[in-house]
């Protein structure tokens, strides 16, 4: 069952703002995930199994070696997965 209190709504809104923010998609994705992780830890949102899988996929897309720059494929993957996470957040 989805969380429907003001704190959950605020966490969803904050995620979506970061997802749509100007700047590099990879950095925005990392910030958005950090906010979600904080909301999960605080119990504000519930990590659904699908959200958990999506976030694992996203972190894999954002993985990089020391000094390596993430390019277009990582940014495009981040945008794609973030949109899917945004849709699933309505169930969190």
C-alpha atoms as a PDB file:
ATOM      1  CA  UNK A   1       0.000   0.000   0.000  1.00  0.00           C
ATOM      2  CA  UNK A   2       1.394   3.391  -0.990  1.00  0.00           C
ATOM      3  CA  UNK A   3       2.354   5.945   1.638  1.00  0.00           C
ATOM      4  CA  UNK A   4       0.050   8.928   1.391  1.00  0.00           C
ATOM      5  CA  UNK A   5       1.133  11.326   4.112  1.00  0.00           C
ATOM      6  CA  UNK A   6       2.641  14.767   3.435  1.00  0.00           C
ATOM      7  CA  UNK A   7       6.195  13.533   4.047  1.00  0.00           C
ATOM      8  CA  UNK A   8       5.812  10.806   1.407  1.00  0.00           C
ATOM      9  CA  UNK A   9       4.363  13.291  -1.056  1.00  0.00           C
ATOM     10  CA  UNK A  10       7.267  15.662  -0.342  1.00  0.00           C
ATOM     11  CA  UNK A  11       9.806  12.861  -0.921  1.00  0.00           C
ATOM     12  CA  UNK A  12       8.187  11.994  -4.266  1.00  0.00           C
ATOM     13  CA  UNK A  13       8.140  15.666  -5.251  1.00  0.00           C
ATOM     14  CA  UNK A  14      11.812  16.121  -4.301  1.00  0.00           C
ATOM     15  CA  UNK A  15      12.761  13.057  -6.352  1.00  0.00           C
ATOM     16  CA  UNK A  16      10.896  14.346  -9.392  1.00  0.00           C
ATOM     17  CA  UNK A  17      12.467  17.801  -9.081  1.00  0.00           C
ATOM     18  CA  UNK A  18      15.941  16.264  -9.059  1.00  0.00           C
ATOM     19  CA  UNK A  19      15.011  13.985 -11.941  1.00  0.00           C
ATOM     20  CA  UNK A  20      13.960  17.017 -14.037  1.00  0.00           C
ATOM     21  CA  UNK A  21      16.696  19.388 -12.839  1.00  0.00           C
ATOM     22  CA  UNK A  22      19.052  21.081 -15.245  1.00  0.00           C
ATOM     23  CA  UNK A  23      22.549  19.680 -15.183  1.00  0.00           C
ATOM     24  CA  UNK A  24      24.197  16.357 -15.837  1.00  0.00           C
ATOM     25  CA  UNK A  25      21.744  13.452 -15.756  1.00  0.00           C
ATOM     26  CA  UNK A  26      24.194  11.198 -13.928  1.00  0.00           C
ATOM     27  CA  UNK A  27      24.761  13.663 -11.080  1.00  0.00           C
ATOM     28  CA  UNK A  28      21.017  14.360 -10.868  1.00  0.00           C
ATOM     29  CA  UNK A  29      20.328  10.617 -10.722  1.00  0.00           C
ATOM     30  CA  UNK A  30      22.790  10.142  -7.873  1.00  0.00           C
ATOM     31  CA  UNK A  31      21.205  12.978  -5.912  1.00  0.00           C
ATOM     32  CA  UNK A  32      17.699  11.634  -6.572  1.00  0.00           C
ATOM     33  CA  UNK A  33      18.695   8.151  -5.395  1.00  0.00           C
ATOM     34  CA  UNK A  34      20.298   9.573  -2.249  1.00  0.00           C
ATOM     35  CA  UNK A  35      17.028  11.337  -1.448  1.00  0.00           C
ATOM     36  CA  UNK A  36      15.041   8.148  -1.995  1.00  0.00           C
ATOM     37  CA  UNK A  37      17.411   6.135   0.178  1.00  0.00           C
ATOM     38  CA  UNK A  38      16.949   8.686   2.965  1.00  0.00           C
ATOM     39  CA  UNK A  39      13.158   8.442   2.594  1.00  0.00           C
ATOM     40  CA  UNK A  40      13.325   4.632   2.721  1.00  0.00           C
ATOM     41  CA  UNK A  41      15.560   4.702   5.796  1.00  0.00           C
ATOM     42  CA  UNK A  42      13.255   7.161   7.557  1.00  0.00           C
ATOM     43  CA  UNK A  43      10.226   5.022   6.708  1.00  0.00           C
ATOM     44  CA  UNK A  44       8.682   7.853   4.708  1.00  0.00           C
ATOM     45  CA  UNK A  45       8.437   5.673   1.598  1.00  0.00           C
ATOM     46  CA  UNK A  46       8.317   1.904   1.228  1.00  0.00           C
ATOM     47  CA  UNK A  47      10.835   0.199  -1.035  1.00  0.00           C
ATOM     48  CA  UNK A  48       8.739  -2.040  -3.279  1.00  0.00           C
ATOM     49  CA  UNK A  49      10.450  -5.047  -4.871  1.00  0.00           C
ATOM     50  CA  UNK A  50      10.175  -3.360  -8.283  1.00  0.00           C
ATOM     51  CA  UNK A  51      11.692  -0.131  -6.939  1.00  0.00           C
ATOM     52  CA  UNK A  52      14.522  -2.098  -5.394  1.00  0.00           C
ATOM     53  CA  UNK A  53      15.300  -3.740  -8.734  1.00  0.00           C
ATOM     54  CA  UNK A  54      15.082  -0.457 -10.627  1.00  0.00           C
ATOM     55  CA  UNK A  55      17.437   1.239  -8.194  1.00  0.00           C
ATOM     56  CA  UNK A  56      19.933  -1.637  -8.472  1.00  0.00           C
ATOM     57  CA  UNK A  57      19.777  -1.311 -12.266  1.00  0.00           C
ATOM     58  CA  UNK A  58      20.268   2.440 -12.000  1.00  0.00           C
ATOM     59  CA  UNK A  59      23.278   2.118  -9.722  1.00  0.00           C
ATOM     60  CA  UNK A  60      24.824  -0.374 -12.130  1.00  0.00           C
ATOM     61  CA  UNK A  61      24.314   2.093 -15.002  1.00  0.00           C
ATOM     62  CA  UNK A  62      25.986   4.819 -12.925  1.00  0.00           C
ATOM     63  CA  UNK A  63      28.931   2.679 -11.850  1.00  0.00           C
ATOM     64  CA  UNK A  64      32.319   3.951 -12.939  1.00  0.00           C
ATOM     65  CA  UNK A  65      35.963   3.267 -12.307  1.00  0.00           C
ATOM     66  CA  UNK A  66      38.140   5.841 -10.575  1.00  0.00           C
ATOM     67  CA  UNK A  67      38.733   8.746 -12.946  1.00  0.00           C
ATOM     68  CA  UNK A  68      36.363   7.413 -15.605  1.00  0.00           C
ATOM     69  CA  UNK A  69      33.786   9.820 -16.984  1.00  0.00           C
ATOM     70  CA  UNK A  70      30.274   8.634 -17.598  1.00  0.00           C
ATOM     71  CA  UNK A  71      29.076   9.468 -21.040  1.00  0.00           C
ATOM     72  CA  UNK A  72      25.940   9.463 -23.093  1.00  0.00           C
ATOM     73  CA  UNK A  73      24.921   5.840 -22.573  1.00  0.00           C
ATOM     74  CA  UNK A  74      25.019   6.161 -18.785  1.00  0.00           C
ATOM     75  CA  UNK A  75      23.125   9.440 -18.906  1.00  0.00           C
ATOM     76  CA  UNK A  76      20.473   8.004 -21.219  1.00  0.00           C
ATOM     77  CA  UNK A  77      20.124   4.889 -19.064  1.00  0.00           C
ATOM     78  CA  UNK A  78      19.801   7.104 -15.985  1.00  0.00           C
ATOM     79  CA  UNK A  79      17.033   9.173 -17.589  1.00  0.00           C
ATOM     80  CA  UNK A  80      15.167   6.067 -18.722  1.00  0.00           C
ATOM     81  CA  UNK A  81      15.346   4.323 -15.337  1.00  0.00           C
ATOM     82  CA  UNK A  82      14.518   7.515 -13.415  1.00  0.00           C
ATOM     83  CA  UNK A  83      11.291   7.881 -15.393  1.00  0.00           C
ATOM     84  CA  UNK A  84      10.352   4.289 -14.515  1.00  0.00           C
ATOM     85  CA  UNK A  85      11.214   4.888 -10.837  1.00  0.00           C
ATOM     86  CA  UNK A  86       9.054   8.021 -10.867  1.00  0.00           C
ATOM     87  CA  UNK A  87       6.063   6.004 -12.069  1.00  0.00           C
ATOM     88  CA  UNK A  88       6.652   3.281  -9.457  1.00  0.00           C
ATOM     89  CA  UNK A  89       6.976   5.831  -6.638  1.00  0.00           C
ATOM     90  CA  UNK A  90       3.214   6.188  -6.666  1.00  0.00           C
ATOM     91  CA  UNK A  91       3.156   2.656  -5.199  1.00  0.00           C
ATOM     92  CA  UNK A  92       5.841   3.308  -2.552  1.00  0.00           C
END
